[in-house]
């Protein structure tokens, strides 16, 4: 039976911490992008809504 190389397992906790940190950073980055896109889209919709209100207001004044 071959001997097991226990020295290979010494770096396992460090590698797991690196994997967890990388996953957390990626998750936070994707969440940040999603929040940015949502806020940008809401601003566009609000701007369109205000423009539509202004055009409706001018149409009512003309009639």
PDB file of N, CA and C in Angstrom:
ATOM      1  N   UNK A   1       0.858  -1.189   0.000  1.00  0.00           N
ATOM      2  CA  UNK A   1       0.000   0.000   0.000  1.00  0.00           C
ATOM      3  C   UNK A   1       0.898   1.246   0.000  1.00  0.00           C
ATOM      4  N   UNK A   2       0.666   2.167  -0.954  1.00  0.00           N
ATOM      5  CA  UNK A   2       1.528   3.351  -1.022  1.00  0.00           C
ATOM      6  C   UNK A   2       1.237   4.315   0.124  1.00  0.00           C
ATOM      7  N   UNK A   3       2.284   5.041   0.473  1.00  0.00           N
ATOM      8  CA  UNK A   3       2.107   6.029   1.538  1.00  0.00           C
ATOM      9  C   UNK A   3       1.318   7.225   0.998  1.00  0.00           C
ATOM     10  N   UNK A   4       0.557   7.836   1.888  1.00  0.00           N
ATOM     11  CA  UNK A   4      -0.247   8.988   1.511  1.00  0.00           C
ATOM     12  C   UNK A   4       0.565  10.254   1.761  1.00  0.00           C
ATOM     13  N   UNK A   5       0.542  11.164   0.820  1.00  0.00           N
ATOM     14  CA  UNK A   5       1.307  12.402   0.953  1.00  0.00           C
ATOM     15  C   UNK A   5       0.475  13.415   1.741  1.00  0.00           C
ATOM     16  N   UNK A   6       0.745  13.522   3.040  1.00  0.00           N
ATOM     17  CA  UNK A   6      -0.008  14.438   3.903  1.00  0.00           C
ATOM     18  C   UNK A   6       0.404  15.885   3.693  1.00  0.00           C
ATOM     19  N   UNK A   7       1.581  16.107   3.146  1.00  0.00           N
ATOM     20  CA  UNK A   7       2.033  17.490   2.925  1.00  0.00           C
ATOM     21  C   UNK A   7       1.149  18.201   1.909  1.00  0.00           C
ATOM     22  N   UNK A   8       0.548  17.465   1.007  1.00  0.00           N
ATOM     23  CA  UNK A   8      -0.346  18.063   0.014  1.00  0.00           C
ATOM     24  C   UNK A   8      -1.583  18.655   0.686  1.00  0.00           C
ATOM     25  N   UNK A   9      -1.976  18.098   1.824  1.00  0.00           N
ATOM     26  CA  UNK A   9      -3.170  18.572   2.526  1.00  0.00           C
ATOM     27  C   UNK A   9      -2.912  19.804   3.379  1.00  0.00           C
ATOM     28  N   UNK A  10      -1.647  20.172   3.567  1.00  0.00           N
ATOM     29  CA  UNK A  10      -1.332  21.329   4.417  1.00  0.00           C
ATOM     30  C   UNK A  10      -1.860  22.624   3.814  1.00  0.00           C
ATOM     31  N   UNK A  11      -1.889  22.717   2.499  1.00  0.00           N
ATOM     32  CA  UNK A  11      -2.327  23.951   1.837  1.00  0.00           C
ATOM     33  C   UNK A  11      -3.823  23.969   1.551  1.00  0.00           C
ATOM     34  N   UNK A  12      -4.525  22.914   1.889  1.00  0.00           N
ATOM     35  CA  UNK A  12      -5.951  22.850   1.578  1.00  0.00           C
ATOM     36  C   UNK A  12      -6.760  23.969   2.234  1.00  0.00           C
ATOM     37  N   UNK A  13      -6.582  24.275   3.532  1.00  0.00           N
ATOM     38  CA  UNK A  13      -7.370  25.385   4.101  1.00  0.00           C
ATOM     39  C   UNK A  13      -7.129  26.709   3.393  1.00  0.00           C
ATOM     40  N   UNK A  14      -5.889  26.987   3.043  1.00  0.00           N
ATOM     41  CA  UNK A  14      -5.589  28.231   2.321  1.00  0.00           C
ATOM     42  C   UNK A  14      -6.284  28.257   0.970  1.00  0.00           C
ATOM     43  N   UNK A  15      -6.254  27.141   0.264  1.00  0.00           N
ATOM     44  CA  UNK A  15      -6.909  27.077  -1.038  1.00  0.00           C
ATOM     45  C   UNK A  15      -8.422  27.239  -0.912  1.00  0.00           C
ATOM     46  N   UNK A  16      -8.993  26.666   0.132  1.00  0.00           N
ATOM     47  CA  UNK A  16     -10.439  26.818   0.347  1.00  0.00           C
ATOM     48  C   UNK A  16     -10.792  28.267   0.674  1.00  0.00           C
ATOM     49  N   UNK A  17      -9.960  28.925   1.493  1.00  0.00           N
ATOM     50  CA  UNK A  17     -10.213  30.337   1.801  1.00  0.00           C
ATOM     51  C   UNK A  17     -10.136  31.189   0.538  1.00  0.00           C
ATOM     52  N   UNK A  18      -9.163  30.884  -0.321  1.00  0.00           N
ATOM     53  CA  UNK A  18      -9.043  31.633  -1.578  1.00  0.00           C
ATOM     54  C   UNK A  18     -10.272  31.398  -2.453  1.00  0.00           C
ATOM     55  N   UNK A  19     -10.734  30.169  -2.520  1.00  0.00           N
ATOM     56  CA  UNK A  19     -11.920  29.856  -3.321  1.00  0.00           C
ATOM     57  C   UNK A  19     -13.157  30.576  -2.788  1.00  0.00           C
ATOM     58  N   UNK A  20     -13.325  30.590  -1.472  1.00  0.00           N
ATOM     59  CA  UNK A  20     -14.471  31.268  -0.866  1.00  0.00           C
ATOM     60  C   UNK A  20     -14.389  32.775  -1.114  1.00  0.00           C
ATOM     61  N   UNK A  21     -13.190  33.342  -0.950  1.00  0.00           N
ATOM     62  CA  UNK A  21     -13.029  34.784  -1.167  1.00  0.00           C
ATOM     63  C   UNK A  21     -13.327  35.154  -2.613  1.00  0.00           C
ATOM     64  N   UNK A  22     -12.833  34.339  -3.539  1.00  0.00           N
ATOM     65  CA  UNK A  22     -13.086  34.611  -4.963  1.00  0.00           C
ATOM     66  C   UNK A  22     -14.575  34.527  -5.280  1.00  0.00           C
ATOM     67  N   UNK A  23     -15.242  33.531  -4.729  1.00  0.00           N
ATOM     68  CA  UNK A  23     -16.681  33.384  -4.965  1.00  0.00           C
ATOM     69  C   UNK A  23     -17.457  34.557  -4.389  1.00  0.00           C
ATOM     70  N   UNK A  24     -17.060  34.986  -3.201  1.00  0.00           N
ATOM     71  CA  UNK A  24     -17.735  36.121  -2.570  1.00  0.00           C
ATOM     72  C   UNK A  24     -17.531  37.400  -3.369  1.00  0.00           C
ATOM     73  N   UNK A  25     -16.327  37.622  -3.844  1.00  0.00           N
ATOM     74  CA  UNK A  25     -16.043  38.820  -4.648  1.00  0.00           C
ATOM     75  C   UNK A  25     -16.857  38.804  -5.938  1.00  0.00           C
ATOM     76  N   UNK A  26     -16.916  37.657  -6.601  1.00  0.00           N
ATOM     77  CA  UNK A  26     -17.699  37.561  -7.837  1.00  0.00           C
ATOM     78  C   UNK A  26     -19.181  37.788  -7.574  1.00  0.00           C
ATOM     79  N   UNK A  27     -19.686  37.218  -6.492  1.00  0.00           N
ATOM     80  CA  UNK A  27     -21.094  37.386  -6.144  1.00  0.00           C
ATOM     81  C   UNK A  27     -21.414  38.856  -5.884  1.00  0.00           C
ATOM     82  N   UNK A  28     -20.565  39.522  -5.117  1.00  0.00           N
ATOM     83  CA  UNK A  28     -20.790  40.940  -4.830  1.00  0.00           C
ATOM     84  C   UNK A  28     -20.676  41.791  -6.087  1.00  0.00           C
ATOM     85  N   UNK A  29     -19.768  41.422  -6.978  1.00  0.00           N
ATOM     86  CA  UNK A  29     -19.623  42.177  -8.226  1.00  0.00           C
ATOM     87  C   UNK A  29     -20.876  42.034  -9.086  1.00  0.00           C
ATOM     88  N   UNK A  30     -21.399  40.819  -9.221  1.00  0.00           N
ATOM     89  CA  UNK A  30     -22.607  40.627 -10.014  1.00  0.00           C
ATOM     90  C   UNK A  30     -23.807  41.340  -9.377  1.00  0.00           C
ATOM     91  N   UNK A  31     -23.893  41.307  -8.052  1.00  0.00           N
ATOM     92  CA  UNK A  31     -24.988  41.998  -7.370  1.00  0.00           C
ATOM     93  C   UNK A  31     -24.878  43.507  -7.590  1.00  0.00           C
ATOM     94  N   UNK A  32     -23.667  44.038  -7.535  1.00  0.00           N
ATOM     95  CA  UNK A  32     -23.466  45.466  -7.766  1.00  0.00           C
ATOM     96  C   UNK A  32     -23.859  45.875  -9.170  1.00  0.00           C
ATOM     97  N   UNK A  33     -23.511  45.062 -10.144  1.00  0.00           N
ATOM     98  CA  UNK A  33     -23.884  45.352 -11.536  1.00  0.00           C
ATOM     99  C   UNK A  33     -25.398  45.316 -11.686  1.00  0.00           C
ATOM    100  N   UNK A  34     -26.041  44.347 -11.050  1.00  0.00           N
ATOM    101  CA  UNK A  34     -27.497  44.236 -11.137  1.00  0.00           C
ATOM    102  C   UNK A  34     -28.170  45.458 -10.514  1.00  0.00           C
ATOM    103  N   UNK A  35     -27.679  45.906  -9.369  1.00  0.00           N
ATOM    104  CA  UNK A  35     -28.239  47.101  -8.720  1.00  0.00           C
ATOM    105  C   UNK A  35     -28.039  48.327  -9.615  1.00  0.00           C
ATOM    106  N   UNK A  36     -26.846  48.444 -10.212  1.00  0.00           N
ATOM    107  CA  UNK A  36     -26.564  49.576 -11.101  1.00  0.00           C
ATOM    108  C   UNK A  36     -27.508  49.574 -12.294  1.00  0.00           C
ATOM    109  N   UNK A  37     -27.696  48.404 -12.908  1.00  0.00           N
ATOM    110  CA  UNK A  37     -28.588  48.317 -14.068  1.00  0.00           C
ATOM    111  C   UNK A  37     -30.021  48.653 -13.681  1.00  0.00           C
ATOM    112  N   UNK A  38     -30.466  48.194 -12.524  1.00  0.00           N
ATOM    113  CA  UNK A  38     -31.835  48.463 -12.079  1.00  0.00           C
ATOM    114  C   UNK A  38     -32.051  49.957 -11.856  1.00  0.00           C
ATOM    115  N   UNK A  39     -31.096  50.594 -11.176  1.00  0.00           N
ATOM    116  CA  UNK A  39     -31.230  52.038 -10.927  1.00  0.00           C
ATOM    117  C   UNK A  39     -31.206  52.828 -12.229  1.00  0.00           C
ATOM    118  N   UNK A  40     -30.354  52.424 -13.162  1.00  0.00           N
ATOM    119  CA  UNK A  40     -30.281  53.114 -14.448  1.00  0.00           C
ATOM    120  C   UNK A  40     -31.585  52.966 -15.220  1.00  0.00           C
ATOM    121  N   UNK A  41     -32.165  51.759 -15.180  1.00  0.00           N
ATOM    122  CA  UNK A  41     -33.417  51.519 -15.880  1.00  0.00           C
ATOM    123  C   UNK A  41     -34.562  52.306 -15.237  1.00  0.00           C
ATOM    124  N   UNK A  42     -34.584  52.370 -13.906  1.00  0.00           N
ATOM    125  CA  UNK A  42     -35.615  53.153 -13.221  1.00  0.00           C
ATOM    126  C   UNK A  42     -35.510  54.635 -13.583  1.00  0.00           C
ATOM    127  N   UNK A  43     -34.294  55.136 -13.686  1.00  0.00           N
ATOM    128  CA  UNK A  43     -34.102  56.539 -14.048  1.00  0.00           C
ATOM    129  C   UNK A  43     -34.613  56.806 -15.460  1.00  0.00           C
ATOM    130  N   UNK A  44     -34.348  55.873 -16.369  1.00  0.00           N
ATOM    131  CA  UNK A  44     -34.844  56.038 -17.744  1.00  0.00           C
ATOM    132  C   UNK A  44     -36.364  56.028 -17.772  1.00  0.00           C
ATOM    133  N   UNK A  45     -36.973  55.091 -17.026  1.00  0.00           N
ATOM    134  CA  UNK A  45     -38.432  55.025 -17.008  1.00  0.00           C
ATOM    135  C   UNK A  45     -39.037  56.283 -16.388  1.00  0.00           C
ATOM    136  N   UNK A  46     -38.401  56.788 -15.337  1.00  0.00           N
ATOM    137  CA  UNK A  46     -38.893  58.010 -14.700  1.00  0.00           C
ATOM    138  C   UNK A  46     -38.788  59.184 -15.660  1.00  0.00           C
ATOM    139  N   UNK A  47     -37.690  59.254 -16.399  1.00  0.00           N
ATOM    140  CA  UNK A  47     -37.496  60.335 -17.357  1.00  0.00           C
ATOM    141  C   UNK A  47     -38.536  60.250 -18.472  1.00  0.00           C
ATOM    142  N   UNK A  48     -38.809  59.033 -18.946  1.00  0.00           N
ATOM    143  CA  UNK A  48     -39.833  58.869 -19.989  1.00  0.00           C
ATOM    144  C   UNK A  48     -41.216  59.245 -19.464  1.00  0.00           C
ATOM    145  N   UNK A  49     -41.490  58.871 -18.208  1.00  0.00           N
ATOM    146  CA  UNK A  49     -42.783  59.202 -17.617  1.00  0.00           C
ATOM    147  C   UNK A  49     -42.972  60.702 -17.477  1.00  0.00           C
ATOM    148  N   UNK A  50     -41.907  61.391 -17.068  1.00  0.00           N
ATOM    149  CA  UNK A  50     -41.995  62.851 -16.942  1.00  0.00           C
ATOM    150  C   UNK A  50     -42.158  63.496 -18.313  1.00  0.00           C
ATOM    151  N   UNK A  51     -41.483  62.972 -19.317  1.00  0.00           N
ATOM    152  CA  UNK A  51     -41.612  63.521 -20.673  1.00  0.00           C
ATOM    153  C   UNK A  51     -43.031  63.294 -21.197  1.00  0.00           C
ATOM    154  N   UNK A  52     -43.608  62.130 -20.891  1.00  0.00           N
ATOM    155  CA  UNK A  52     -44.968  61.849 -21.336  1.00  0.00           C
ATOM    156  C   UNK A  52     -45.964  62.773 -20.632  1.00  0.00           C
ATOM    157  N   UNK A  53     -45.733  63.053 -19.361  1.00  0.00           N
ATOM    158  CA  UNK A  53     -46.620  63.969 -18.630  1.00  0.00           C
ATOM    159  C   UNK A  53     -46.553  65.373 -19.219  1.00  0.00           C
ATOM    160  N   UNK A  54     -45.357  65.790 -19.578  1.00  0.00           N
ATOM    161  CA  UNK A  54     -45.206  67.127 -20.159  1.00  0.00           C
ATOM    162  C   UNK A  54     -45.902  67.220 -21.504  1.00  0.00           C
ATOM    163  N   UNK A  55     -45.799  66.177 -22.319  1.00  0.00           N
ATOM    164  CA  UNK A  55     -46.459  66.226 -23.630  1.00  0.00           C
ATOM    165  C   UNK A  55     -47.973  66.187 -23.459  1.00  0.00           C
ATOM    166  N   UNK A  56     -48.458  65.420 -22.476  1.00  0.00           N
ATOM    167  CA  UNK A  56     -49.902  65.407 -22.218  1.00  0.00           C
ATOM    168  C   UNK A  56     -50.377  66.761 -21.736  1.00  0.00           C
ATOM    169  N   UNK A  57     -49.564  67.391 -20.914  1.00  0.00           N
ATOM    170  CA  UNK A  57     -49.920  68.733 -20.404  1.00  0.00           C
ATOM    171  C   UNK A  57     -49.988  69.758 -21.509  1.00  0.00           C
ATOM    172  N   UNK A  58     -49.077  69.699 -22.446  1.00  0.00           N
ATOM    173  CA  UNK A  58     -49.092  70.672 -23.550  1.00  0.00           C
ATOM    174  C   UNK A  58     -50.253  70.388 -24.498  1.00  0.00           C
ATOM    175  N   UNK A  59     -50.609  69.102 -24.665  1.00  0.00           N
ATOM    176  CA  UNK A  59     -51.746  68.767 -25.523  1.00  0.00           C
ATOM    177  C   UNK A  59     -53.046  69.282 -24.911  1.00  0.00           C
ATOM    178  N   UNK A  60     -53.189  69.185 -23.603  1.00  0.00           N
ATOM    179  CA  UNK A  60     -54.418  69.661 -22.935  1.00  0.00           C
ATOM    180  C   UNK A  60     -54.523  71.179 -23.034  1.00  0.00           C
ATOM    181  N   UNK A  61     -53.367  71.864 -22.920  1.00  0.00           N
ATOM    182  CA  UNK A  61     -53.384  73.323 -22.997  1.00  0.00           C
ATOM    183  C   UNK A  61     -53.761  73.789 -24.405  1.00  0.00           C
ATOM    184  N   UNK A  62     -53.368  73.045 -25.412  1.00  0.00           N
ATOM    185  CA  UNK A  62     -53.670  73.426 -26.790  1.00  0.00           C
ATOM    186  C   UNK A  62     -55.156  73.244 -27.094  1.00  0.00           C
ATOM    187  N   UNK A  63     -55.796  72.251 -26.468  1.00  0.00           N
ATOM    188  CA  UNK A  63     -57.207  72.003 -26.725  1.00  0.00           C
ATOM    189  C   UNK A  63     -58.009  72.996 -25.968  1.00  0.00           C
TER     190      UNK A  63
END
